[in-house]
Amino acid sequence: MIIRDELDALPGGQTRGVMRSRILLGVLADDEAERLGIRVTKAELDGTTRWFRRQFDLDARADVEAFLEFAGLDLAELTAQMRTYTNIARVDIHHRAAIEERLPSYVALMGLEAWSGLGPEPGEER
């Protein structure tokens, strides 16, 4: 049974479960990158940081500083998260063939919600 607890919702439309899954993905990607000997380069880290800043209109350094103050984060915490995002991308590339092989079955299983009447039909938005 698929359970969606409205009390579990967080700002930004996320749920704690989704956030835990995303954190787990980052933890596993960081561990796998280390196991594989993948090291994030400065150029990769800078690229991820530029991508993040564009996503959230953090164009000027003052914008980043204001965001960090608002979020209660420091630059080291932001940099660590950018490193994790980069590791996710690098590990994804490393495991691309296995991911692509499993994708059709995963997509088919996502139809369970529509089939059971608990979610939108395939192609519909939530």
N, C-alpha and C. Protein backbone atom coordinates (compact mmCIF):
# COMPACT_ATOMS: atom_id res chain seq x y z
N MET A 1 0.85 -1.17 0.00
CA MET A 1 0.00 0.00 0.00
C MET A 1 0.89 1.24 0.00
N ILE A 2 0.58 2.19 -0.83
CA ILE A 2 1.35 3.42 -0.92
C ILE A 2 0.74 4.43 0.03
N ILE A 3 1.54 4.92 0.96
CA ILE A 3 1.05 5.84 1.98
C ILE A 3 1.65 7.21 1.74
N ARG A 4 0.80 8.19 1.69
CA ARG A 4 1.27 9.58 1.58
C ARG A 4 0.72 10.33 2.79
N ASP A 5 1.59 10.74 3.65
CA ASP A 5 1.20 11.43 4.87
C ASP A 5 1.38 12.92 4.66
N GLU A 6 0.27 13.65 4.63
CA GLU A 6 0.34 15.10 4.44
C GLU A 6 1.14 15.77 5.56
N LEU A 7 1.16 15.16 6.75
CA LEU A 7 1.92 15.73 7.86
C LEU A 7 3.42 15.60 7.63
N ASP A 8 3.80 14.75 6.68
CA ASP A 8 5.21 14.54 6.36
C ASP A 8 5.71 15.55 5.33
N ALA A 9 4.82 16.39 4.81
CA ALA A 9 5.20 17.35 3.77
C ALA A 9 6.09 18.44 4.36
N LEU A 10 7.03 18.87 3.55
CA LEU A 10 7.97 19.92 3.94
C LEU A 10 7.87 21.08 2.96
N PRO A 11 8.40 22.24 3.31
CA PRO A 11 8.41 23.35 2.36
C PRO A 11 9.08 22.94 1.05
N GLY A 12 8.57 23.47 -0.04
CA GLY A 12 9.13 23.14 -1.35
C GLY A 12 8.44 21.95 -1.98
N GLY A 13 7.41 21.42 -1.34
CA GLY A 13 6.67 20.31 -1.91
C GLY A 13 7.31 18.95 -1.69
N GLN A 14 8.37 18.89 -0.91
CA GLN A 14 9.04 17.62 -0.63
C GLN A 14 8.37 16.93 0.55
N THR A 15 8.64 15.66 0.70
CA THR A 15 8.27 14.94 1.91
C THR A 15 9.55 14.46 2.56
N ARG A 16 9.45 14.13 3.83
CA ARG A 16 10.64 13.61 4.52
C ARG A 16 11.14 12.34 3.83
N GLY A 17 10.22 11.51 3.36
CA GLY A 17 10.63 10.29 2.68
C GLY A 17 11.43 10.57 1.42
N VAL A 18 10.97 11.54 0.62
CA VAL A 18 11.70 11.92 -0.59
C VAL A 18 13.05 12.50 -0.22
N MET A 19 13.07 13.35 0.80
CA MET A 19 14.34 13.95 1.21
C MET A 19 15.30 12.88 1.72
N ARG A 20 14.79 11.92 2.49
CA ARG A 20 15.66 10.84 2.97
C ARG A 20 16.21 10.03 1.79
N SER A 21 15.38 9.78 0.79
CA SER A 21 15.85 9.05 -0.40
C SER A 21 16.93 9.83 -1.13
N ARG A 22 16.76 11.13 -1.24
CA ARG A 22 17.78 11.96 -1.90
C ARG A 22 19.08 12.00 -1.10
N ILE A 23 18.94 12.08 0.22
CA ILE A 23 20.14 12.06 1.07
C ILE A 23 20.84 10.71 0.94
N LEU A 24 20.06 9.62 0.94
CA LEU A 24 20.64 8.29 0.77
C LEU A 24 21.38 8.19 -0.56
N LEU A 25 20.78 8.71 -1.63
CA LEU A 25 21.45 8.71 -2.93
C LEU A 25 22.80 9.40 -2.83
N GLY A 26 22.84 10.54 -2.16
CA GLY A 26 24.09 11.27 -2.01
C GLY A 26 25.11 10.51 -1.19
N VAL A 27 24.67 9.90 -0.08
CA VAL A 27 25.58 9.12 0.76
C VAL A 27 26.17 7.96 -0.04
N LEU A 28 25.30 7.25 -0.76
CA LEU A 28 25.77 6.11 -1.55
C LEU A 28 26.69 6.55 -2.68
N ALA A 29 26.36 7.67 -3.32
CA ALA A 29 27.22 8.17 -4.41
C ALA A 29 28.58 8.60 -3.87
N ASP A 30 28.60 9.27 -2.73
CA ASP A 30 29.89 9.66 -2.13
C ASP A 30 30.72 8.42 -1.81
N ASP A 31 30.08 7.41 -1.21
CA ASP A 31 30.80 6.18 -0.86
C ASP A 31 31.28 5.45 -2.11
N GLU A 32 30.44 5.36 -3.12
CA GLU A 32 30.80 4.66 -4.35
C GLU A 32 31.92 5.40 -5.09
N ALA A 33 31.85 6.71 -5.11
CA ALA A 33 32.92 7.49 -5.76
C ALA A 33 34.25 7.21 -5.06
N GLU A 34 34.22 7.17 -3.74
CA GLU A 34 35.46 6.88 -3.01
C GLU A 34 35.94 5.46 -3.30
N ARG A 35 35.02 4.51 -3.31
CA ARG A 35 35.38 3.11 -3.58
C ARG A 35 36.00 2.96 -4.96
N LEU A 36 35.45 3.70 -5.94
CA LEU A 36 35.94 3.63 -7.32
C LEU A 36 37.18 4.49 -7.56
N GLY A 37 37.53 5.29 -6.57
CA GLY A 37 38.68 6.18 -6.74
C GLY A 37 38.37 7.41 -7.58
N ILE A 38 37.10 7.76 -7.67
CA ILE A 38 36.69 8.95 -8.42
C ILE A 38 36.93 10.17 -7.53
N ARG A 39 37.68 11.11 -8.04
CA ARG A 39 37.96 12.35 -7.31
C ARG A 39 37.36 13.52 -8.08
N VAL A 40 36.59 14.32 -7.40
CA VAL A 40 35.98 15.50 -8.02
C VAL A 40 37.08 16.53 -8.28
N THR A 41 37.14 17.01 -9.52
CA THR A 41 38.12 18.04 -9.85
C THR A 41 37.55 19.42 -9.54
N LYS A 42 38.42 20.40 -9.44
CA LYS A 42 37.97 21.77 -9.21
C LYS A 42 37.06 22.23 -10.33
N ALA A 43 37.40 21.88 -11.58
CA ALA A 43 36.57 22.27 -12.72
C ALA A 43 35.17 21.66 -12.62
N GLU A 44 35.08 20.40 -12.21
CA GLU A 44 33.77 19.76 -12.05
C GLU A 44 32.98 20.42 -10.92
N LEU A 45 33.65 20.67 -9.81
CA LEU A 45 32.98 21.31 -8.68
C LEU A 45 32.50 22.71 -9.05
N ASP A 46 33.33 23.45 -9.77
CA ASP A 46 32.93 24.79 -10.23
C ASP A 46 31.74 24.70 -11.17
N GLY A 47 31.73 23.71 -12.05
CA GLY A 47 30.61 23.54 -12.98
C GLY A 47 29.31 23.23 -12.26
N THR A 48 29.38 22.34 -11.27
CA THR A 48 28.19 22.01 -10.48
C THR A 48 27.70 23.24 -9.73
N THR A 49 28.61 24.00 -9.18
CA THR A 49 28.24 25.21 -8.44
C THR A 49 27.59 26.23 -9.36
N ARG A 50 28.14 26.40 -10.57
CA ARG A 50 27.51 27.33 -11.53
C ARG A 50 26.10 26.86 -11.88
N TRP A 51 25.94 25.55 -12.10
CA TRP A 51 24.61 25.00 -12.40
C TRP A 51 23.65 25.30 -11.26
N PHE A 52 24.05 25.05 -10.02
CA PHE A 52 23.21 25.28 -8.85
C PHE A 52 22.82 26.75 -8.74
N ARG A 53 23.80 27.62 -8.91
CA ARG A 53 23.52 29.06 -8.81
C ARG A 53 22.54 29.51 -9.88
N ARG A 54 22.66 28.99 -11.11
CA ARG A 54 21.72 29.34 -12.18
C ARG A 54 20.31 28.85 -11.85
N GLN A 55 20.21 27.65 -11.28
CA GLN A 55 18.90 27.08 -10.95
C GLN A 55 18.11 27.97 -10.00
N PHE A 56 18.82 28.65 -9.13
CA PHE A 56 18.16 29.42 -8.07
C PHE A 56 18.44 30.91 -8.15
N ASP A 57 18.86 31.38 -9.33
CA ASP A 57 19.10 32.80 -9.56
C ASP A 57 20.03 33.41 -8.51
N LEU A 58 21.06 32.69 -8.17
CA LEU A 58 22.06 33.19 -7.23
C LEU A 58 23.23 33.74 -8.04
N ASP A 59 22.95 34.82 -8.76
CA ASP A 59 23.91 35.35 -9.73
C ASP A 59 25.11 36.02 -9.08
N ALA A 60 24.88 36.81 -8.07
CA ALA A 60 25.96 37.56 -7.43
C ALA A 60 26.38 36.86 -6.14
N ARG A 61 27.61 37.10 -5.75
CA ARG A 61 28.12 36.54 -4.49
C ARG A 61 27.21 36.95 -3.32
N ALA A 62 26.71 38.18 -3.37
CA ALA A 62 25.81 38.65 -2.30
C ALA A 62 24.54 37.80 -2.24
N ASP A 63 24.06 37.34 -3.41
CA ASP A 63 22.89 36.46 -3.44
C ASP A 63 23.18 35.14 -2.73
N VAL A 64 24.35 34.58 -2.99
CA VAL A 64 24.75 33.32 -2.35
C VAL A 64 24.87 33.53 -0.85
N GLU A 65 25.51 34.60 -0.44
CA GLU A 65 25.69 34.88 0.99
C GLU A 65 24.34 35.08 1.68
N ALA A 66 23.41 35.77 1.01
CA ALA A 66 22.08 35.98 1.59
C ALA A 66 21.34 34.65 1.72
N PHE A 67 21.46 33.80 0.69
CA PHE A 67 20.83 32.48 0.76
C PHE A 67 21.41 31.66 1.91
N LEU A 68 22.73 31.64 2.02
CA LEU A 68 23.37 30.85 3.08
C LEU A 68 22.92 31.33 4.46
N GLU A 69 22.83 32.64 4.64
CA GLU A 69 22.37 33.18 5.92
C GLU A 69 20.93 32.76 6.18
N PHE A 70 20.07 32.89 5.16
CA PHE A 70 18.66 32.51 5.28
C PHE A 70 18.53 31.03 5.65
N ALA A 71 19.34 30.19 4.99
CA ALA A 71 19.25 28.74 5.17
C ALA A 71 19.96 28.26 6.43
N GLY A 72 20.78 29.12 7.02
CA GLY A 72 21.55 28.72 8.20
C GLY A 72 22.70 27.78 7.85
N LEU A 73 23.25 27.96 6.65
CA LEU A 73 24.37 27.14 6.18
C LEU A 73 25.62 28.00 6.07
N ASP A 74 26.76 27.34 5.99
CA ASP A 74 27.98 28.07 5.68
C ASP A 74 28.53 27.58 4.34
N LEU A 75 29.54 28.25 3.86
CA LEU A 75 30.09 27.94 2.54
C LEU A 75 30.63 26.51 2.48
N ALA A 76 31.20 26.02 3.57
CA ALA A 76 31.73 24.65 3.59
C ALA A 76 30.61 23.63 3.40
N GLU A 77 29.45 23.87 4.02
CA GLU A 77 28.31 22.96 3.87
C GLU A 77 27.78 22.98 2.44
N LEU A 78 27.70 24.17 1.86
CA LEU A 78 27.26 24.28 0.47
C LEU A 78 28.24 23.58 -0.46
N THR A 79 29.52 23.77 -0.24
CA THR A 79 30.54 23.14 -1.07
C THR A 79 30.47 21.62 -0.95
N ALA A 80 30.25 21.12 0.24
CA ALA A 80 30.13 19.67 0.44
C ALA A 80 28.94 19.11 -0.35
N GLN A 81 27.83 19.86 -0.35
CA GLN A 81 26.66 19.40 -1.11
C GLN A 81 26.93 19.44 -2.61
N MET A 82 27.65 20.46 -3.07
CA MET A 82 28.00 20.54 -4.50
C MET A 82 28.90 19.36 -4.88
N ARG A 83 29.79 18.97 -3.97
CA ARG A 83 30.66 17.81 -4.21
C ARG A 83 29.80 16.54 -4.32
N THR A 84 28.82 16.41 -3.44
CA THR A 84 27.93 15.25 -3.49
C THR A 84 27.15 15.24 -4.80
N TYR A 85 26.60 16.39 -5.22
CA TYR A 85 25.88 16.44 -6.50
C TYR A 85 26.80 16.00 -7.65
N THR A 86 28.05 16.42 -7.59
CA THR A 86 29.01 16.04 -8.62
C THR A 86 29.28 14.54 -8.57
N ASN A 87 29.41 13.99 -7.37
CA ASN A 87 29.60 12.54 -7.25
C ASN A 87 28.41 11.77 -7.79
N ILE A 88 27.21 12.25 -7.55
CA ILE A 88 26.02 11.58 -8.10
C ILE A 88 26.12 11.52 -9.61
N ALA A 89 26.49 12.62 -10.23
CA ALA A 89 26.61 12.66 -11.70
C ALA A 89 27.72 11.72 -12.18
N ARG A 90 28.85 11.73 -11.51
CA ARG A 90 29.99 10.88 -11.92
C ARG A 90 29.66 9.40 -11.76
N VAL A 91 29.03 9.04 -10.64
CA VAL A 91 28.67 7.64 -10.41
C VAL A 91 27.58 7.21 -11.39
N ASP A 92 26.66 8.10 -11.70
CA ASP A 92 25.64 7.82 -12.71
C ASP A 92 26.30 7.47 -14.05
N ILE A 93 27.27 8.25 -14.44
CA ILE A 93 27.98 7.98 -15.70
C ILE A 93 28.69 6.62 -15.62
N HIS A 94 29.32 6.35 -14.50
CA HIS A 94 30.04 5.08 -14.34
C HIS A 94 29.10 3.88 -14.47
N HIS A 95 27.90 4.00 -13.91
CA HIS A 95 26.94 2.88 -13.89
C HIS A 95 25.85 3.01 -14.95
N ARG A 96 26.08 3.85 -15.95
CA ARG A 96 25.05 4.13 -16.96
C ARG A 96 24.48 2.87 -17.60
N ALA A 97 25.30 1.91 -17.98
CA ALA A 97 24.81 0.71 -18.66
C ALA A 97 23.85 -0.08 -17.76
N ALA A 98 24.20 -0.25 -16.49
CA ALA A 98 23.34 -0.98 -15.56
C ALA A 98 22.03 -0.23 -15.32
N ILE A 99 22.11 1.08 -15.24
CA ILE A 99 20.91 1.89 -15.04
C ILE A 99 19.98 1.75 -16.24
N GLU A 100 20.53 1.88 -17.43
CA GLU A 100 19.72 1.77 -18.66
C GLU A 100 19.10 0.38 -18.77
N GLU A 101 19.82 -0.65 -18.36
CA GLU A 101 19.30 -2.02 -18.42
C GLU A 101 18.09 -2.18 -17.50
N ARG A 102 18.11 -1.54 -16.34
CA ARG A 102 17.02 -1.67 -15.36
C ARG A 102 15.87 -0.69 -15.60
N LEU A 103 16.08 0.31 -16.40
CA LEU A 103 15.09 1.37 -16.57
C LEU A 103 13.73 0.87 -17.04
N PRO A 104 13.63 0.00 -18.06
CA PRO A 104 12.30 -0.43 -18.50
C PRO A 104 11.47 -1.09 -17.39
N SER A 105 12.09 -1.93 -16.58
CA SER A 105 11.36 -2.58 -15.49
C SER A 105 10.92 -1.56 -14.45
N TYR A 106 11.78 -0.61 -14.17
CA TYR A 106 11.45 0.42 -13.19
C TYR A 106 10.26 1.26 -13.68
N VAL A 107 10.30 1.65 -14.95
CA VAL A 107 9.20 2.44 -15.52
C VAL A 107 7.91 1.63 -15.46
N ALA A 108 7.98 0.34 -15.78
CA ALA A 108 6.79 -0.51 -15.73
C ALA A 108 6.22 -0.58 -14.32
N LEU A 109 7.08 -0.69 -13.32
CA LEU A 109 6.61 -0.74 -11.93
C LEU A 109 5.97 0.57 -11.50
N MET A 110 6.39 1.68 -12.08
CA MET A 110 5.80 2.97 -11.72
C MET A 110 4.34 3.06 -12.17
N GLY A 111 3.92 2.16 -13.06
CA GLY A 111 2.52 2.12 -13.47
C GLY A 111 1.61 1.54 -12.41
N LEU A 112 2.17 0.99 -11.33
CA LEU A 112 1.37 0.38 -10.27
C LEU A 112 0.38 1.36 -9.65
N GLU A 113 0.81 2.59 -9.43
CA GLU A 113 -0.10 3.57 -8.81
C GLU A 113 -1.32 3.80 -9.70
N ALA A 114 -1.11 3.96 -11.00
CA ALA A 114 -2.24 4.18 -11.90
C ALA A 114 -3.12 2.94 -11.96
N TRP A 115 -2.51 1.77 -12.03
CA TRP A 115 -3.25 0.51 -12.11
C TRP A 115 -4.10 0.30 -10.87
N SER A 116 -3.56 0.67 -9.71
CA SER A 116 -4.27 0.45 -8.45
C SER A 116 -5.27 1.55 -8.13
N GLY A 117 -5.27 2.62 -8.95
CA GLY A 117 -6.18 3.72 -8.71
C GLY A 117 -5.66 4.73 -7.70
N LEU A 118 -4.42 4.57 -7.26
CA LEU A 118 -3.86 5.47 -6.25
C LEU A 118 -3.10 6.64 -6.84
N GLY A 119 -2.91 6.65 -8.13
CA GLY A 119 -2.12 7.72 -8.73
C GLY A 119 -2.67 8.09 -10.09
N PRO A 120 -2.00 9.03 -10.75
CA PRO A 120 -2.44 9.47 -12.08
C PRO A 120 -2.18 8.38 -13.12
N GLU A 121 -2.92 8.46 -14.19
CA GLU A 121 -2.67 7.57 -15.32
C GLU A 121 -1.31 7.92 -15.92
N PRO A 122 -0.65 6.96 -16.57
CA PRO A 122 0.64 7.28 -17.22
C PRO A 122 0.49 8.48 -18.14
N GLY A 123 1.41 9.42 -18.03
CA GLY A 123 1.38 10.63 -18.85
C GLY A 123 0.66 11.80 -18.19
N GLU A 124 -0.14 11.52 -17.15
CA GLU A 124 -0.82 12.59 -16.43
C GLU A 124 0.10 13.14 -15.35
N GLU A 125 -0.13 14.41 -15.00
CA GLU A 125 0.65 15.01 -13.92
C GLU A 125 -0.04 14.77 -12.60
N ARG A 126 0.75 14.81 -11.56
CA ARG A 126 0.19 14.70 -10.19
C ARG A 126 -0.54 15.95 -9.83
